[in-house]
Each structure stands twice: as structure tokens, then as C-alpha cells.
Amino acid sequence: MPVSEAKFNKAVEIVQGLPKNGPIQPSQDDQLYFYKHYKQATVGNVNTTRPGMLDFGVMGHYPGPSPGDAWKSVEGLSKEEAQAKYVEKLLEVLNAVGDEEAKKHIAAIEATE
């Protein structure tokens, strides 16, 4: 499903604006998924020797693969594919929560051209 730049930006805005103690709590795996697809969509292929060792964003300590390794795992994915996967994952997370706030975010994404 191709998505517009505006729809991707709306999804990023929603993810970055989720309150730490709010009802929508993406898992650490989901956060890593958002991270690697965001980096691939906005930067492209890994452009440093070992990216993300300290670039955890909202993830804090994560015992799984490093963010840099996760980003490397999507190397070769086009900007458009990475944007689409990011939006699809957010919609999946929001649909799983299904509360009013999640529905509001879903509507905002769907209303964005």
C-alpha cells in the first residue's frame, strides 16, 4: 500500500507524541520496527560504521538487537516501502488497542492525503 509523505509524517507525529504512560504503548519490538523504518525512510541505507549505538530515542535499554543492527536489516528497502511499512505497523498497533484515542489517531491517518 503506497502512502503519501504527508501520511507518513502524520504517523511519525503520532508515534513521537504518544505519552509514556498513555493507553497506547507500543512494545519494544514495535518501537524498534518504527525506528528502523523511520531511519530507512528518512536517511536511506545505513551510512555509518555502526549506527544507533546510543540512538535509542524512546526505547531506553533494549536487550534485543541494537537499533543500528535493526536499521541495517532493512537495507535496500526504498523510501516509499519503508514509509508504507511504518504506517501499516502503526495502524496495526492502534487497531489492537482499539480505544477512543487509538480510533482518533486512525481517523487522522486515514484523513491525511
C-alpha atoms as a PDB file:
ATOM      1  CA  MET A   1       0.000   0.000   0.000  1.00  0.00           C
ATOM      2  CA  PRO A   2       1.784   3.169  -1.111  1.00  0.00           C
ATOM      3  CA  VAL A   3       1.407   6.052   1.299  1.00  0.00           C
ATOM      4  CA  SER A   4       1.932   9.755   0.828  1.00  0.00           C
ATOM      5  CA  GLU A   5       4.729  11.675   2.500  1.00  0.00           C
ATOM      6  CA  ALA A   6       2.042  13.552   4.452  1.00  0.00           C
ATOM      7  CA  LYS A   7       0.504  10.303   5.742  1.00  0.00           C
ATOM      8  CA  PHE A   8       3.940   9.042   6.811  1.00  0.00           C
ATOM      9  CA  ASN A   9       4.661  12.360   8.551  1.00  0.00           C
ATOM     10  CA  LYS A  10       1.306  12.157  10.359  1.00  0.00           C
ATOM     11  CA  ALA A  11       2.161   8.634  11.558  1.00  0.00           C
ATOM     12  CA  VAL A  12       5.584   9.807  12.783  1.00  0.00           C
ATOM     13  CA  GLU A  13       3.934  12.717  14.601  1.00  0.00           C
ATOM     14  CA  ILE A  14       1.546  10.312  16.336  1.00  0.00           C
ATOM     15  CA  VAL A  15       4.280   7.861  17.381  1.00  0.00           C
ATOM     16  CA  GLN A  16       6.536  10.633  18.674  1.00  0.00           C
ATOM     17  CA  GLY A  17       3.629  12.210  20.558  1.00  0.00           C
ATOM     18  CA  LEU A  18       2.446   9.091  22.392  1.00  0.00           C
ATOM     19  CA  PRO A  19       2.544   9.745  26.149  1.00  0.00           C
ATOM     20  CA  LYS A  20       4.861   7.412  28.058  1.00  0.00           C
ATOM     21  CA  ASN A  21       2.046   6.458  30.423  1.00  0.00           C
ATOM     22  CA  GLY A  22      -0.806   6.653  27.922  1.00  0.00           C
ATOM     23  CA  PRO A  23      -3.120   3.851  26.824  1.00  0.00           C
ATOM     24  CA  ILE A  24      -1.197   3.235  23.586  1.00  0.00           C
ATOM     25  CA  GLN A  25       2.086   1.542  24.465  1.00  0.00           C
ATOM     26  CA  PRO A  26       3.977   0.048  21.520  1.00  0.00           C
ATOM     27  CA  SER A  27       6.154  -2.879  22.605  1.00  0.00           C
ATOM     28  CA  GLN A  28       9.929  -2.583  22.436  1.00  0.00           C
ATOM     29  CA  ASP A  29       9.831  -4.713  19.291  1.00  0.00           C
ATOM     30  CA  ASP A  30       7.288  -2.306  17.778  1.00  0.00           C
ATOM     31  CA  GLN A  31       9.463   0.669  18.767  1.00  0.00           C
ATOM     32  CA  LEU A  32      12.466  -0.953  17.098  1.00  0.00           C
ATOM     33  CA  TYR A  33      10.333  -1.602  14.000  1.00  0.00           C
ATOM     34  CA  PHE A  34       9.313   2.077  13.912  1.00  0.00           C
ATOM     35  CA  TYR A  35      12.922   3.153  14.413  1.00  0.00           C
ATOM     36  CA  LYS A  36      14.425   1.091  11.606  1.00  0.00           C
ATOM     37  CA  HIS A  37      11.732   2.013   9.090  1.00  0.00           C
ATOM     38  CA  TYR A  38      11.865   5.688  10.088  1.00  0.00           C
ATOM     39  CA  LYS A  39      15.644   5.746   9.573  1.00  0.00           C
ATOM     40  CA  GLN A  40      15.374   3.908   6.248  1.00  0.00           C
ATOM     41  CA  ALA A  41      12.617   6.270   5.063  1.00  0.00           C
ATOM     42  CA  THR A  42      14.374   9.459   6.141  1.00  0.00           C
ATOM     43  CA  VAL A  43      18.076   8.641   5.734  1.00  0.00           C
ATOM     44  CA  GLY A  44      18.206   5.605   3.457  1.00  0.00           C
ATOM     45  CA  ASN A  45      20.705   2.790   3.827  1.00  0.00           C
ATOM     46  CA  VAL A  46      22.965   2.788   6.880  1.00  0.00           C
ATOM     47  CA  ASN A  47      25.589   5.465   6.319  1.00  0.00           C
ATOM     48  CA  THR A  48      27.850   4.956   9.349  1.00  0.00           C
ATOM     49  CA  THR A  49      30.029   2.092  10.538  1.00  0.00           C
ATOM     50  CA  ARG A  50      27.800   1.084  13.451  1.00  0.00           C
ATOM     51  CA  PRO A  51      24.791   3.397  13.704  1.00  0.00           C
ATOM     52  CA  GLY A  52      22.498   3.852  16.626  1.00  0.00           C
ATOM     53  CA  MET A  53      24.621   2.537  19.477  1.00  0.00           C
ATOM     54  CA  LEU A  54      23.429   5.468  21.583  1.00  0.00           C
ATOM     55  CA  ASP A  55      20.474   6.491  19.406  1.00  0.00           C
ATOM     56  CA  PHE A  56      17.698   4.756  21.312  1.00  0.00           C
ATOM     57  CA  GLY A  57      15.140   7.585  21.247  1.00  0.00           C
ATOM     58  CA  VAL A  58      12.140   6.494  23.324  1.00  0.00           C
ATOM     59  CA  MET A  59      13.386   2.901  23.531  1.00  0.00           C
ATOM     60  CA  GLY A  60      15.638   3.232  26.557  1.00  0.00           C
ATOM     61  CA  HIS A  61      17.525  -0.007  27.253  1.00  0.00           C
ATOM     62  CA  TYR A  62      16.586  -2.731  24.811  1.00  0.00           C
ATOM     63  CA  PRO A  63      18.039  -6.214  25.296  1.00  0.00           C
ATOM     64  CA  GLY A  64      17.494  -7.283  21.662  1.00  0.00           C
ATOM     65  CA  PRO A  65      19.340  -6.201  18.534  1.00  0.00           C
ATOM     66  CA  SER A  66      20.845  -2.733  18.556  1.00  0.00           C
ATOM     67  CA  PRO A  67      18.949  -0.022  16.687  1.00  0.00           C
ATOM     68  CA  GLY A  68      21.826   0.128  14.205  1.00  0.00           C
ATOM     69  CA  ASP A  69      21.599  -3.600  13.515  1.00  0.00           C
ATOM     70  CA  ALA A  70      17.836  -3.292  13.104  1.00  0.00           C
ATOM     71  CA  TRP A  71      18.266  -0.424  10.638  1.00  0.00           C
ATOM     72  CA  LYS A  72      20.832  -2.474   8.701  1.00  0.00           C
ATOM     73  CA  SER A  73      18.250  -5.289   8.467  1.00  0.00           C
ATOM     74  CA  VAL A  74      16.064  -3.142   6.184  1.00  0.00           C
ATOM     75  CA  GLU A  75      18.919  -2.007   3.941  1.00  0.00           C
ATOM     76  CA  GLY A  76      17.799  -1.805   0.328  1.00  0.00           C
ATOM     77  CA  LEU A  77      14.191  -1.029   1.197  1.00  0.00           C
ATOM     78  CA  SER A  78      13.011   2.004  -0.774  1.00  0.00           C
ATOM     79  CA  LYS A  79      11.910   5.175   0.969  1.00  0.00           C
ATOM     80  CA  GLU A  80       8.325   4.518  -0.136  1.00  0.00           C
ATOM     81  CA  GLU A  81       8.356   0.915   1.118  1.00  0.00           C
ATOM     82  CA  ALA A  82       9.797   1.981   4.482  1.00  0.00           C
ATOM     83  CA  GLN A  83       7.163   4.715   4.834  1.00  0.00           C
ATOM     84  CA  ALA A  84       4.369   2.271   3.986  1.00  0.00           C
ATOM     85  CA  LYS A  85       5.628  -0.325   6.483  1.00  0.00           C
ATOM     86  CA  TYR A  86       5.858   2.337   9.207  1.00  0.00           C
ATOM     87  CA  VAL A  87       2.266   3.467   8.631  1.00  0.00           C
ATOM     88  CA  GLU A  88       0.973  -0.115   8.369  1.00  0.00           C
ATOM     89  CA  LYS A  89       2.625  -1.066  11.687  1.00  0.00           C
ATOM     90  CA  LEU A  90       1.181   1.971  13.438  1.00  0.00           C
ATOM     91  CA  LEU A  91      -2.308   1.147  12.160  1.00  0.00           C
ATOM     92  CA  GLU A  92      -1.825  -2.447  13.373  1.00  0.00           C
ATOM     93  CA  VAL A  93      -0.804  -1.233  16.857  1.00  0.00           C
ATOM     94  CA  LEU A  94      -3.679   1.255  17.019  1.00  0.00           C
ATOM     95  CA  ASN A  95      -6.243  -1.316  15.868  1.00  0.00           C
ATOM     96  CA  ALA A  96      -5.014  -3.734  18.548  1.00  0.00           C
ATOM     97  CA  VAL A  97      -5.605  -1.096  21.242  1.00  0.00           C
ATOM     98  CA  GLY A  98      -8.966  -0.098  19.803  1.00  0.00           C
ATOM     99  CA  ASP A  99      -9.831   2.595  22.362  1.00  0.00           C
ATOM    100  CA  GLU A 100     -11.171   6.056  21.513  1.00  0.00           C
ATOM    101  CA  GLU A 101      -7.726   7.649  21.384  1.00  0.00           C
ATOM    102  CA  ALA A 102      -6.493   4.936  19.012  1.00  0.00           C
ATOM    103  CA  LYS A 103      -9.565   5.402  16.810  1.00  0.00           C
ATOM    104  CA  LYS A 104      -8.907   9.152  16.733  1.00  0.00           C
ATOM    105  CA  HIS A 105      -5.340   8.524  15.546  1.00  0.00           C
ATOM    106  CA  ILE A 106      -6.527   6.027  12.913  1.00  0.00           C
ATOM    107  CA  ALA A 107      -9.017   8.589  11.603  1.00  0.00           C
ATOM    108  CA  ALA A 108      -6.288  11.258  11.481  1.00  0.00           C
ATOM    109  CA  ILE A 109      -4.011   8.992   9.439  1.00  0.00           C
ATOM    110  CA  GLU A 110      -6.791   7.955   7.075  1.00  0.00           C
ATOM    111  CA  ALA A 111      -7.886  11.588   6.586  1.00  0.00           C
ATOM    112  CA  THR A 112      -4.372  12.640   5.580  1.00  0.00           C
ATOM    113  CA  GLU A 113      -3.893  12.643   1.808  1.00  0.00           C
END
